[in-house]
Each structure stands twice: as C-alpha cells, then as structure tokens.
Amino acid sequence: MGALWIAHVSVTDEEAYGKYAKLAGPAIAKHGGEFVARGGRYVQLEGKERPRNVVAKFPSVEAAVDCYHSPEYQEALSHARGASERELMVVETSD
C-alpha cells in the first residue's frame, strides 16, 4: 500500500527554510516520493492553521519513514529546525 507524507508548516525564517526546501525535494525523490500538493490554496476547517501544506506520495509507509530518517533528509531538516513550526505525519493509503 502507498502512503502520504503530510506536512503543515508555518515558516519563520524564509532564507533558512529555502535551504531546507532545496535539499528536501531531492531526498524525497530518492526514496520514491513525489509531490501531490505543495504550498497551494487551502481552506482551514479545523485545528491550528499552518499557511504551508505539503503532501507527497510514497510507495509505502516504510519508504516514507526511511526517507525521514535518511542522512539526506536529516541534512535538509537541519535547516528547517528553528526556521519553522511544523507537524509531519505519514498516513497509509487505501489503494
């Protein structure tokens, strides 16, 4: 089964977060992830609003989690820490 990586983000330092974004895309692609939505229009219906929302599809939950723990993604994430407030989850799809 596939999986969705869903991130809700408030960026507090655009420059540092830009470094994260530049490195995160290739790390996600290396693990079979592809972006489904990235920073587009949204409507907040419940919960804490985060103006940047990202969804990437992976071949499996394991691939998404492996990506997160990979050296490439951790390097990218080092630029996001302190430059954003984020929630990130991986959800298995039903296909």
N, C-alpha and C. Protein backbone atom coordinates (compact mmCIF):
# COMPACT_ATOMS: atom_id res chain seq x y z
N MET A 1 0.83 -1.19 0.00
CA MET A 1 0.00 0.00 0.00
C MET A 1 0.87 1.24 0.00
N GLY A 2 0.37 2.29 -0.63
CA GLY A 2 1.08 3.55 -0.67
C GLY A 2 0.93 4.32 0.62
N ALA A 3 1.56 5.48 0.66
CA ALA A 3 1.49 6.32 1.85
C ALA A 3 1.58 7.78 1.45
N LEU A 4 0.96 8.62 2.26
CA LEU A 4 1.05 10.06 2.08
C LEU A 4 1.84 10.66 3.24
N TRP A 5 2.76 11.51 2.89
CA TRP A 5 3.55 12.29 3.85
C TRP A 5 2.87 13.65 3.87
N ILE A 6 2.33 14.05 5.00
CA ILE A 6 1.55 15.27 5.10
C ILE A 6 2.22 16.21 6.10
N ALA A 7 2.59 17.38 5.62
CA ALA A 7 3.25 18.37 6.48
C ALA A 7 2.42 19.65 6.52
N HIS A 8 2.31 20.21 7.71
CA HIS A 8 1.66 21.50 7.93
C HIS A 8 2.73 22.40 8.54
N VAL A 9 3.00 23.54 7.89
CA VAL A 9 4.17 24.33 8.24
C VAL A 9 3.85 25.82 8.33
N SER A 10 4.42 26.47 9.33
CA SER A 10 4.49 27.93 9.41
C SER A 10 5.98 28.28 9.34
N VAL A 11 6.37 28.99 8.31
CA VAL A 11 7.78 29.36 8.12
C VAL A 11 8.06 30.64 8.90
N THR A 12 9.13 30.62 9.69
CA THR A 12 9.52 31.78 10.49
C THR A 12 10.82 32.42 9.99
N ASP A 13 11.57 31.70 9.16
CA ASP A 13 12.81 32.22 8.57
C ASP A 13 12.86 31.73 7.12
N GLU A 14 12.46 32.60 6.20
CA GLU A 14 12.36 32.23 4.78
C GLU A 14 13.69 31.76 4.19
N GLU A 15 14.77 32.44 4.53
CA GLU A 15 16.08 32.09 3.96
C GLU A 15 16.52 30.69 4.37
N ALA A 16 16.46 30.40 5.65
CA ALA A 16 16.86 29.08 6.14
C ALA A 16 15.92 28.01 5.62
N TYR A 17 14.63 28.30 5.57
CA TYR A 17 13.66 27.31 5.10
C TYR A 17 13.86 27.05 3.61
N GLY A 18 14.30 28.05 2.88
CA GLY A 18 14.61 27.85 1.47
C GLY A 18 15.72 26.83 1.28
N LYS A 19 16.71 26.83 2.17
CA LYS A 19 17.78 25.83 2.12
C LYS A 19 17.21 24.43 2.37
N TYR A 20 16.29 24.35 3.34
CA TYR A 20 15.62 23.07 3.60
C TYR A 20 14.91 22.58 2.33
N ALA A 21 14.10 23.44 1.73
CA ALA A 21 13.31 23.05 0.57
C ALA A 21 14.19 22.59 -0.59
N LYS A 22 15.31 23.26 -0.78
CA LYS A 22 16.23 22.91 -1.88
C LYS A 22 16.79 21.49 -1.70
N LEU A 23 17.05 21.09 -0.46
CA LEU A 23 17.61 19.77 -0.18
C LEU A 23 16.55 18.70 0.01
N ALA A 24 15.38 19.08 0.52
CA ALA A 24 14.34 18.10 0.84
C ALA A 24 13.76 17.45 -0.41
N GLY A 25 13.54 18.22 -1.47
CA GLY A 25 12.95 17.68 -2.69
C GLY A 25 13.73 16.50 -3.25
N PRO A 26 15.04 16.64 -3.45
CA PRO A 26 15.82 15.50 -3.94
C PRO A 26 15.84 14.31 -2.98
N ALA A 27 15.85 14.57 -1.67
CA ALA A 27 15.84 13.48 -0.69
C ALA A 27 14.53 12.71 -0.79
N ILE A 28 13.43 13.43 -0.93
CA ILE A 28 12.12 12.79 -1.05
C ILE A 28 12.05 11.97 -2.34
N ALA A 29 12.51 12.54 -3.44
CA ALA A 29 12.50 11.82 -4.72
C ALA A 29 13.37 10.57 -4.67
N LYS A 30 14.50 10.64 -4.00
CA LYS A 30 15.41 9.49 -3.88
C LYS A 30 14.73 8.29 -3.23
N HIS A 31 13.74 8.55 -2.39
CA HIS A 31 13.03 7.49 -1.68
C HIS A 31 11.68 7.17 -2.31
N GLY A 32 11.52 7.57 -3.56
CA GLY A 32 10.30 7.23 -4.29
C GLY A 32 9.13 8.16 -4.05
N GLY A 33 9.37 9.28 -3.37
CA GLY A 33 8.30 10.23 -3.10
C GLY A 33 8.10 11.19 -4.25
N GLU A 34 6.85 11.58 -4.44
CA GLU A 34 6.54 12.61 -5.42
C GLU A 34 5.50 13.55 -4.83
N PHE A 35 5.67 14.83 -5.09
CA PHE A 35 4.77 15.82 -4.52
C PHE A 35 3.40 15.77 -5.18
N VAL A 36 2.37 15.80 -4.35
CA VAL A 36 0.98 15.85 -4.80
C VAL A 36 0.46 17.27 -4.62
N ALA A 37 0.85 17.92 -3.53
CA ALA A 37 0.47 19.31 -3.25
C ALA A 37 1.63 19.95 -2.50
N ARG A 38 1.88 21.22 -2.85
CA ARG A 38 2.99 21.90 -2.20
C ARG A 38 2.70 23.39 -2.13
N GLY A 39 2.21 23.83 -0.98
CA GLY A 39 2.02 25.26 -0.75
C GLY A 39 0.88 25.90 -1.51
N GLY A 40 -0.05 25.12 -2.03
CA GLY A 40 -1.15 25.68 -2.79
C GLY A 40 -2.28 26.23 -1.94
N ARG A 41 -3.33 26.60 -2.59
CA ARG A 41 -4.52 27.13 -1.94
C ARG A 41 -5.11 26.08 -1.00
N TYR A 42 -5.62 26.52 0.14
CA TYR A 42 -6.23 25.60 1.11
C TYR A 42 -7.34 26.32 1.85
N VAL A 43 -8.18 25.56 2.50
CA VAL A 43 -9.23 26.09 3.37
C VAL A 43 -9.10 25.38 4.71
N GLN A 44 -8.82 26.11 5.76
CA GLN A 44 -8.67 25.53 7.10
C GLN A 44 -10.05 25.35 7.71
N LEU A 45 -10.43 24.13 7.99
CA LEU A 45 -11.74 23.86 8.57
C LEU A 45 -11.68 23.57 10.06
N GLU A 46 -10.60 22.96 10.53
CA GLU A 46 -10.44 22.66 11.95
C GLU A 46 -8.97 22.72 12.31
N GLY A 47 -8.69 22.88 13.58
CA GLY A 47 -7.31 22.80 14.08
C GLY A 47 -6.49 24.05 13.82
N LYS A 48 -5.21 23.93 14.16
CA LYS A 48 -4.27 25.04 14.03
C LYS A 48 -3.94 25.30 12.57
N GLU A 49 -4.07 26.54 12.17
CA GLU A 49 -3.78 26.91 10.78
C GLU A 49 -2.28 27.00 10.55
N ARG A 50 -1.83 26.38 9.49
CA ARG A 50 -0.45 26.49 9.02
C ARG A 50 -0.53 26.89 7.55
N PRO A 51 0.10 28.00 7.16
CA PRO A 51 -0.09 28.51 5.80
C PRO A 51 0.60 27.70 4.70
N ARG A 52 1.51 26.81 5.05
CA ARG A 52 2.17 25.98 4.02
C ARG A 52 1.81 24.53 4.31
N ASN A 53 1.22 23.88 3.32
CA ASN A 53 0.79 22.48 3.46
C ASN A 53 1.37 21.70 2.30
N VAL A 54 1.99 20.57 2.62
CA VAL A 54 2.69 19.77 1.62
C VAL A 54 2.24 18.31 1.75
N VAL A 55 1.95 17.71 0.60
CA VAL A 55 1.60 16.29 0.56
C VAL A 55 2.49 15.63 -0.49
N ALA A 56 3.15 14.55 -0.09
CA ALA A 56 3.96 13.76 -1.02
C ALA A 56 3.48 12.32 -0.94
N LYS A 57 3.45 11.65 -2.06
CA LYS A 57 3.04 10.25 -2.11
C LYS A 57 4.28 9.37 -2.19
N PHE A 58 4.29 8.32 -1.38
CA PHE A 58 5.39 7.36 -1.35
C PHE A 58 4.85 5.97 -1.67
N PRO A 59 5.71 5.04 -2.07
CA PRO A 59 5.26 3.68 -2.37
C PRO A 59 4.75 2.93 -1.14
N SER A 60 5.21 3.31 0.06
CA SER A 60 4.81 2.60 1.28
C SER A 60 5.09 3.49 2.49
N VAL A 61 4.50 3.13 3.62
CA VAL A 61 4.78 3.82 4.88
C VAL A 61 6.27 3.69 5.19
N GLU A 62 6.81 2.50 4.98
CA GLU A 62 8.22 2.26 5.28
C GLU A 62 9.13 3.17 4.45
N ALA A 63 8.81 3.36 3.17
CA ALA A 63 9.63 4.23 2.32
C ALA A 63 9.58 5.67 2.82
N ALA A 64 8.41 6.12 3.25
CA ALA A 64 8.27 7.49 3.76
C ALA A 64 9.06 7.67 5.06
N VAL A 65 8.97 6.70 5.95
CA VAL A 65 9.68 6.78 7.23
C VAL A 65 11.19 6.66 6.99
N ASP A 66 11.59 5.78 6.09
CA ASP A 66 13.02 5.66 5.75
C ASP A 66 13.54 6.98 5.20
N CYS A 67 12.75 7.63 4.37
CA CYS A 67 13.14 8.93 3.83
C CYS A 67 13.39 9.92 4.97
N TYR A 68 12.45 10.00 5.89
CA TYR A 68 12.58 10.94 7.00
C TYR A 68 13.88 10.71 7.77
N HIS A 69 14.23 9.46 8.00
CA HIS A 69 15.42 9.14 8.79
C HIS A 69 16.71 9.11 7.97
N SER A 70 16.61 9.30 6.66
CA SER A 70 17.80 9.22 5.81
C SER A 70 18.75 10.39 6.09
N PRO A 71 20.04 10.18 5.85
CA PRO A 71 21.01 11.27 6.04
C PRO A 71 20.68 12.50 5.18
N GLU A 72 20.19 12.26 3.96
CA GLU A 72 19.89 13.37 3.05
C GLU A 72 18.75 14.24 3.61
N TYR A 73 17.70 13.59 4.09
CA TYR A 73 16.58 14.37 4.61
C TYR A 73 16.94 15.02 5.94
N GLN A 74 17.68 14.33 6.78
CA GLN A 74 18.10 14.92 8.05
C GLN A 74 18.96 16.15 7.84
N GLU A 75 19.79 16.13 6.80
CA GLU A 75 20.59 17.32 6.46
C GLU A 75 19.65 18.46 6.08
N ALA A 76 18.65 18.17 5.25
CA ALA A 76 17.67 19.20 4.88
C ALA A 76 16.95 19.71 6.12
N LEU A 77 16.52 18.79 6.97
CA LEU A 77 15.75 19.14 8.15
C LEU A 77 16.53 20.03 9.11
N SER A 78 17.84 19.92 9.10
CA SER A 78 18.65 20.77 9.98
C SER A 78 18.44 22.25 9.67
N HIS A 79 18.04 22.57 8.44
CA HIS A 79 17.78 23.97 8.05
C HIS A 79 16.36 24.40 8.43
N ALA A 80 15.44 23.45 8.56
CA ALA A 80 14.06 23.77 8.90
C ALA A 80 13.89 23.98 10.40
N ARG A 81 14.68 23.29 11.19
CA ARG A 81 14.60 23.45 12.65
C ARG A 81 14.98 24.88 13.01
N GLY A 82 14.16 25.53 13.78
CA GLY A 82 14.42 26.92 14.13
C GLY A 82 13.95 27.90 13.06
N ALA A 83 13.58 27.40 11.90
CA ALA A 83 13.11 28.26 10.80
C ALA A 83 11.63 28.03 10.50
N SER A 84 11.00 27.14 11.30
CA SER A 84 9.60 26.81 11.03
C SER A 84 8.99 26.13 12.25
N GLU A 85 7.67 26.16 12.26
CA GLU A 85 6.88 25.33 13.18
C GLU A 85 6.17 24.34 12.29
N ARG A 86 6.28 23.03 12.60
CA ARG A 86 5.81 22.00 11.67
C ARG A 86 5.14 20.85 12.39
N GLU A 87 4.22 20.27 11.69
CA GLU A 87 3.71 18.95 12.04
C GLU A 87 3.90 18.09 10.80
N LEU A 88 4.30 16.85 10.99
CA LEU A 88 4.52 15.94 9.87
C LEU A 88 4.00 14.57 10.26
N MET A 89 3.24 13.97 9.35
CA MET A 89 2.73 12.62 9.60
C MET A 89 2.79 11.83 8.32
N VAL A 90 2.77 10.52 8.47
CA VAL A 90 2.70 9.61 7.34
C VAL A 90 1.42 8.79 7.53
N VAL A 91 0.61 8.73 6.48
CA VAL A 91 -0.66 8.03 6.53
C VAL A 91 -0.72 7.01 5.39
N GLU A 92 -1.02 5.77 5.72
CA GLU A 92 -1.15 4.72 4.69
C GLU A 92 -2.40 4.99 3.85
N THR A 93 -2.27 4.82 2.55
CA THR A 93 -3.42 4.99 1.65
C THR A 93 -4.16 3.67 1.52
N SER A 94 -5.37 3.74 1.01
CA SER A 94 -6.19 2.54 0.91
C SER A 94 -6.13 1.90 -0.48
N ASP A 95 -5.23 2.38 -1.33
CA ASP A 95 -5.13 1.79 -2.68
C ASP A 95 -4.20 0.61 -2.75
